[in-house]
């Protein structure tokens, strides 16, 4: 038994009926798709600022619970930001020590810094806490050649907030380093650097992949217009997915 056919040559099936309906309304469908893409693109602006990496640590695992408990203390666990201050003179030199103390004072005034430790000051709290008398020097926070001292910072907030605070801390340390050379490391600093490198690599990859894909599609389909259709479908899907993610973000309180 043969399938009934339509005068246009297409089989009388639901899919063929949908194709005929879309063909008759192609201008309206293209306009609606373009409008949807523009609106979705506007809604997804700033989505990257709400996304955070992570998710590889089960929140109910013992290690995650221990990490959460350590995070409640201003001087426990691995500090998210570690700054190495190196001078041409020893860290016990009066000028270097004064510059180091001033730097620690500026760093602990940054919003989001809930604690710190350094060779010159010892453990210090946020800006509301006054630094007491100088404790005895801790050789663990000083290099063996006595030219480098460690400044450790503990930060509050989630991963993205800590990365923002870490950027401010590194910028502040670079501006107010005095006679010292500044190097920064730590989980928040490294995570931010990896994220920036990933963004640059992805942008470079997309700039190379898009023309290569278009050239391959032109070779396969033999027409530039036809080759642009899969790319247009991909653009609509990407912007729609981004807008959906942006819409699912919780509103700030």
Protein backbone atom coordinates (compact mmCIF):
# COMPACT_ATOMS: atom_id res chain seq x y z
CA UNK A 1 0.00 0.00 0.00
CA UNK A 2 1.56 3.30 -1.12
CA UNK A 3 1.60 6.47 0.97
CA UNK A 4 -0.69 9.22 -0.37
CA UNK A 5 1.22 12.13 -1.85
CA UNK A 6 0.55 15.86 -2.02
CA UNK A 7 0.49 17.80 -5.30
CA UNK A 8 3.84 19.39 -4.33
CA UNK A 9 5.49 15.95 -4.32
CA UNK A 10 5.80 15.52 -0.57
CA UNK A 11 4.25 12.56 1.16
CA UNK A 12 1.06 13.28 3.13
CA UNK A 13 2.68 12.88 6.55
CA UNK A 14 2.67 15.16 9.61
CA UNK A 15 6.29 16.09 8.99
CA UNK A 16 5.56 16.99 5.40
CA UNK A 17 2.58 19.07 6.51
CA UNK A 18 4.84 20.92 8.94
CA UNK A 19 7.34 21.56 6.15
CA UNK A 20 4.63 22.99 3.88
CA UNK A 21 3.33 25.19 6.72
CA UNK A 22 6.82 26.51 7.47
CA UNK A 23 7.52 27.12 3.79
CA UNK A 24 4.40 29.24 3.42
CA UNK A 25 5.34 31.31 6.50
CA UNK A 26 9.10 31.37 6.06
CA UNK A 27 9.48 35.16 6.36
CA UNK A 28 7.53 35.29 9.59
CA UNK A 29 9.44 32.34 11.02
CA UNK A 30 12.81 33.88 10.11
CA UNK A 31 11.76 37.20 11.67
CA UNK A 32 10.60 35.44 14.84
CA UNK A 33 13.86 33.47 15.04
CA UNK A 34 15.89 36.65 14.61
CA UNK A 35 13.84 38.46 17.26
CA UNK A 36 14.20 35.50 19.65
CA UNK A 37 17.95 35.44 19.13
CA UNK A 38 18.28 39.17 19.81
CA UNK A 39 16.13 39.02 22.94
CA UNK A 40 17.91 35.91 24.22
CA UNK A 41 21.27 37.56 23.59
CA UNK A 42 20.24 40.60 25.62
CA UNK A 43 18.93 38.44 28.46
CA UNK A 44 22.16 36.46 28.61
CA UNK A 45 24.42 39.53 28.89
CA UNK A 46 26.49 39.26 32.06
CA UNK A 47 25.78 35.55 32.51
CA UNK A 48 29.48 34.79 32.93
CA UNK A 49 29.59 36.93 36.04
CA UNK A 50 27.03 34.66 37.73
CA UNK A 51 28.67 31.36 36.86
CA UNK A 52 31.28 29.74 39.06
CA UNK A 53 33.46 26.73 38.55
CA UNK A 54 33.66 23.90 41.03
CA UNK A 55 31.24 21.11 41.74
CA UNK A 56 33.93 18.44 41.94
CA UNK A 57 33.71 18.14 45.73
CA UNK A 58 30.72 16.32 47.19
CA UNK A 59 29.27 18.67 49.85
CA UNK A 60 28.40 15.81 52.23
CA UNK A 61 31.79 14.11 52.07
CA UNK A 62 34.03 14.19 55.17
CA UNK A 63 36.68 16.19 53.33
CA UNK A 64 34.14 18.84 52.32
CA UNK A 65 32.82 19.06 55.87
CA UNK A 66 36.34 19.42 57.24
CA UNK A 67 37.10 22.12 54.70
CA UNK A 68 33.91 23.96 55.65
CA UNK A 69 34.81 23.77 59.34
CA UNK A 70 38.31 25.12 58.69
CA UNK A 71 36.84 27.94 56.62
CA UNK A 72 35.06 29.25 59.71
CA UNK A 73 38.38 30.09 61.34
CA UNK A 74 40.27 33.16 60.09
CA UNK A 75 43.66 31.41 60.38
CA UNK A 76 43.04 27.75 59.55
CA UNK A 77 43.40 25.73 56.38
CA UNK A 78 45.16 26.77 53.20
CA UNK A 79 44.93 30.55 52.61
CA UNK A 80 43.28 31.45 49.26
CA UNK A 81 45.89 34.17 48.67
CA UNK A 82 49.59 33.92 49.43
CA UNK A 83 51.80 36.91 48.64
CA UNK A 84 55.57 36.67 48.51
CA UNK A 85 57.28 40.00 49.20
CA UNK A 86 60.95 40.02 48.17
CA UNK A 87 63.34 42.89 48.82
CA UNK A 88 66.92 43.68 47.94
CA UNK A 89 67.57 43.94 51.68
CA UNK A 90 66.54 41.48 54.34
CA UNK A 91 62.95 41.44 55.56
CA UNK A 92 64.22 42.56 58.98
CA UNK A 93 65.64 45.76 57.54
CA UNK A 94 63.76 48.70 59.12
CA UNK A 95 62.64 50.17 55.77
CA UNK A 96 61.52 46.80 54.43
CA UNK A 97 59.73 45.94 57.66
CA UNK A 98 57.90 49.29 57.69
CA UNK A 99 56.84 48.82 54.06
CA UNK A 100 55.68 45.29 54.84
CA UNK A 101 53.56 46.40 57.80
CA UNK A 102 51.96 49.16 55.72
CA UNK A 103 51.20 46.66 52.97
CA UNK A 104 49.53 44.25 55.40
CA UNK A 105 47.44 47.10 56.82
CA UNK A 106 46.22 48.02 53.34
CA UNK A 107 45.47 44.42 52.44
CA UNK A 108 43.39 43.74 55.53
CA UNK A 109 41.25 46.81 54.80
CA UNK A 110 40.03 45.27 51.54
CA UNK A 111 36.36 44.17 51.80
CA UNK A 112 36.21 40.38 51.86
CA UNK A 113 39.51 39.87 53.69
CA UNK A 114 38.58 38.27 57.01
CA UNK A 115 42.03 37.45 58.28
CA UNK A 116 45.69 37.40 57.48
CA UNK A 117 49.14 36.47 58.63
CA UNK A 118 52.56 37.80 57.81
CA UNK A 119 56.14 37.63 58.96
CA UNK A 120 56.03 41.22 60.22
CA UNK A 121 52.63 41.34 61.95
CA UNK A 122 51.66 37.81 62.86
CA UNK A 123 47.97 36.85 62.69
CA UNK A 124 45.70 39.85 62.10
CA UNK A 125 41.95 40.16 61.70
CA UNK A 126 39.86 42.44 59.47
CA UNK A 127 40.17 46.20 59.46
CA UNK A 128 38.03 46.52 62.59
CA UNK A 129 40.64 44.67 64.63
CA UNK A 130 43.62 46.62 65.90
CA UNK A 131 47.03 45.08 65.48
CA UNK A 132 48.67 44.42 68.83
CA UNK A 133 52.33 44.39 69.70
CA UNK A 134 54.68 42.73 67.28
CA UNK A 135 54.98 39.00 68.00
CA UNK A 136 58.20 37.09 67.75
CA UNK A 137 59.30 36.50 64.16
CA UNK A 138 58.14 33.22 62.67
CA UNK A 139 60.94 31.70 60.56
CA UNK A 140 58.35 29.67 58.64
CA UNK A 141 57.10 32.91 57.04
CA UNK A 142 60.58 33.97 55.96
CA UNK A 143 62.85 32.51 53.31
CA UNK A 144 66.19 30.98 54.23
CA UNK A 145 68.07 33.89 52.63
CA UNK A 146 65.92 36.33 54.70
CA UNK A 147 64.99 38.37 51.62
CA UNK A 148 61.42 37.07 51.14
CA UNK A 149 58.49 37.19 53.55
CA UNK A 150 55.07 35.56 53.28
CA UNK A 151 51.72 37.34 53.57
CA UNK A 152 48.76 34.93 53.80
CA UNK A 153 45.17 36.15 53.41
CA UNK A 154 41.93 34.38 54.30
CA UNK A 155 38.89 35.51 52.36
CA UNK A 156 35.13 35.32 52.86
CA UNK A 157 32.43 34.52 50.32
CA UNK A 158 32.03 31.93 47.58
CA UNK A 159 34.60 31.05 44.93
CA UNK A 160 33.74 33.90 42.58
CA UNK A 161 33.68 36.45 45.41
CA UNK A 162 37.04 35.20 46.63
CA UNK A 163 38.53 35.51 43.14
CA UNK A 164 37.31 39.11 42.94
CA UNK A 165 38.80 39.86 46.36
CA UNK A 166 42.03 38.12 45.36
CA UNK A 167 42.32 40.33 42.27
CA UNK A 168 41.89 43.42 44.46
CA UNK A 169 44.50 42.10 46.90
CA UNK A 170 47.06 41.45 44.15
CA UNK A 171 46.41 44.87 42.61
CA UNK A 172 46.75 46.56 46.00
CA UNK A 173 49.97 44.70 46.76
CA UNK A 174 51.44 45.68 43.39
CA UNK A 175 50.58 49.35 43.88
CA UNK A 176 51.80 49.63 47.48
CA UNK A 177 54.74 47.23 47.43
CA UNK A 178 57.32 49.87 48.34
CA UNK A 179 60.87 48.59 47.87
CA UNK A 180 59.71 44.98 47.50
CA UNK A 181 58.92 42.75 44.54
CA UNK A 182 55.51 41.07 44.77
CA UNK A 183 54.47 37.60 43.64
CA UNK A 184 51.06 36.06 44.34
CA UNK A 185 49.78 32.51 44.49
CA UNK A 186 47.08 30.57 46.30
CA UNK A 187 43.89 28.78 45.26
CA UNK A 188 41.89 31.94 44.50
CA UNK A 189 44.74 33.49 42.50
CA UNK A 190 45.45 30.34 40.50
CA UNK A 191 41.77 29.67 39.83
CA UNK A 192 41.32 33.19 38.50
CA UNK A 193 44.38 32.88 36.28
CA UNK A 194 43.19 29.53 34.91
CA UNK A 195 39.74 30.99 34.21
CA UNK A 196 41.18 33.94 32.31
CA UNK A 197 43.47 31.68 30.30
CA UNK A 198 40.53 29.40 29.49
CA UNK A 199 38.42 32.34 28.30
CA UNK A 200 41.20 33.56 26.02
CA UNK A 201 41.78 30.05 24.66
CA UNK A 202 38.08 29.49 24.00
CA UNK A 203 37.76 32.83 22.21
CA UNK A 204 40.81 32.06 20.07
CA UNK A 205 39.45 28.59 19.30
CA UNK A 206 36.05 29.96 18.27
CA UNK A 207 37.63 32.58 16.02
CA UNK A 208 39.53 29.81 14.25
CA UNK A 209 36.74 27.22 14.24
CA UNK A 210 33.98 29.44 12.83
CA UNK A 211 35.57 30.25 9.45
CA UNK A 212 36.91 26.70 9.14
CA UNK A 213 33.45 25.25 9.78
CA UNK A 214 31.86 27.67 7.32
CA UNK A 215 34.39 26.75 4.62
CA UNK A 216 33.73 23.04 5.20
CA UNK A 217 29.95 23.54 5.01
CA UNK A 218 30.29 25.53 1.79
CA UNK A 219 32.35 22.68 0.33
CA UNK A 220 29.74 20.10 1.41
CA UNK A 221 26.56 21.98 0.45
CA UNK A 222 27.96 23.99 -2.45
CA UNK A 223 26.20 27.20 -1.38
CA UNK A 224 27.05 29.93 1.10
CA UNK A 225 23.40 30.49 1.98
CA UNK A 226 22.81 26.81 2.69
CA UNK A 227 26.06 26.56 4.63
CA UNK A 228 24.97 29.41 6.92
CA UNK A 229 21.80 27.60 7.99
CA UNK A 230 23.51 25.15 10.42
CA UNK A 231 25.50 28.05 11.88
CA UNK A 232 22.29 30.04 12.33
CA UNK A 233 20.63 27.10 14.07
CA UNK A 234 23.65 26.84 16.38
CA UNK A 235 23.51 30.56 17.17
CA UNK A 236 19.82 30.32 18.08
CA UNK A 237 20.45 27.26 20.27
CA UNK A 238 23.41 28.85 22.08
CA UNK A 239 21.68 32.15 22.80
CA UNK A 240 18.53 30.35 23.89
CA UNK A 241 20.48 28.13 26.28
CA UNK A 242 22.36 31.11 27.69
CA UNK A 243 19.11 33.02 28.25
CA UNK A 244 17.62 29.98 29.98
CA UNK A 245 20.63 29.78 32.31
CA UNK A 246 20.40 33.51 33.01
CA UNK A 247 16.71 33.16 33.83
CA UNK A 248 17.39 30.35 36.28
CA UNK A 249 19.81 32.45 38.34
CA UNK A 250 18.42 33.38 41.76
CA UNK A 251 17.56 37.04 42.13
CA UNK A 252 19.80 39.00 44.51
CA UNK A 253 18.36 39.70 47.93
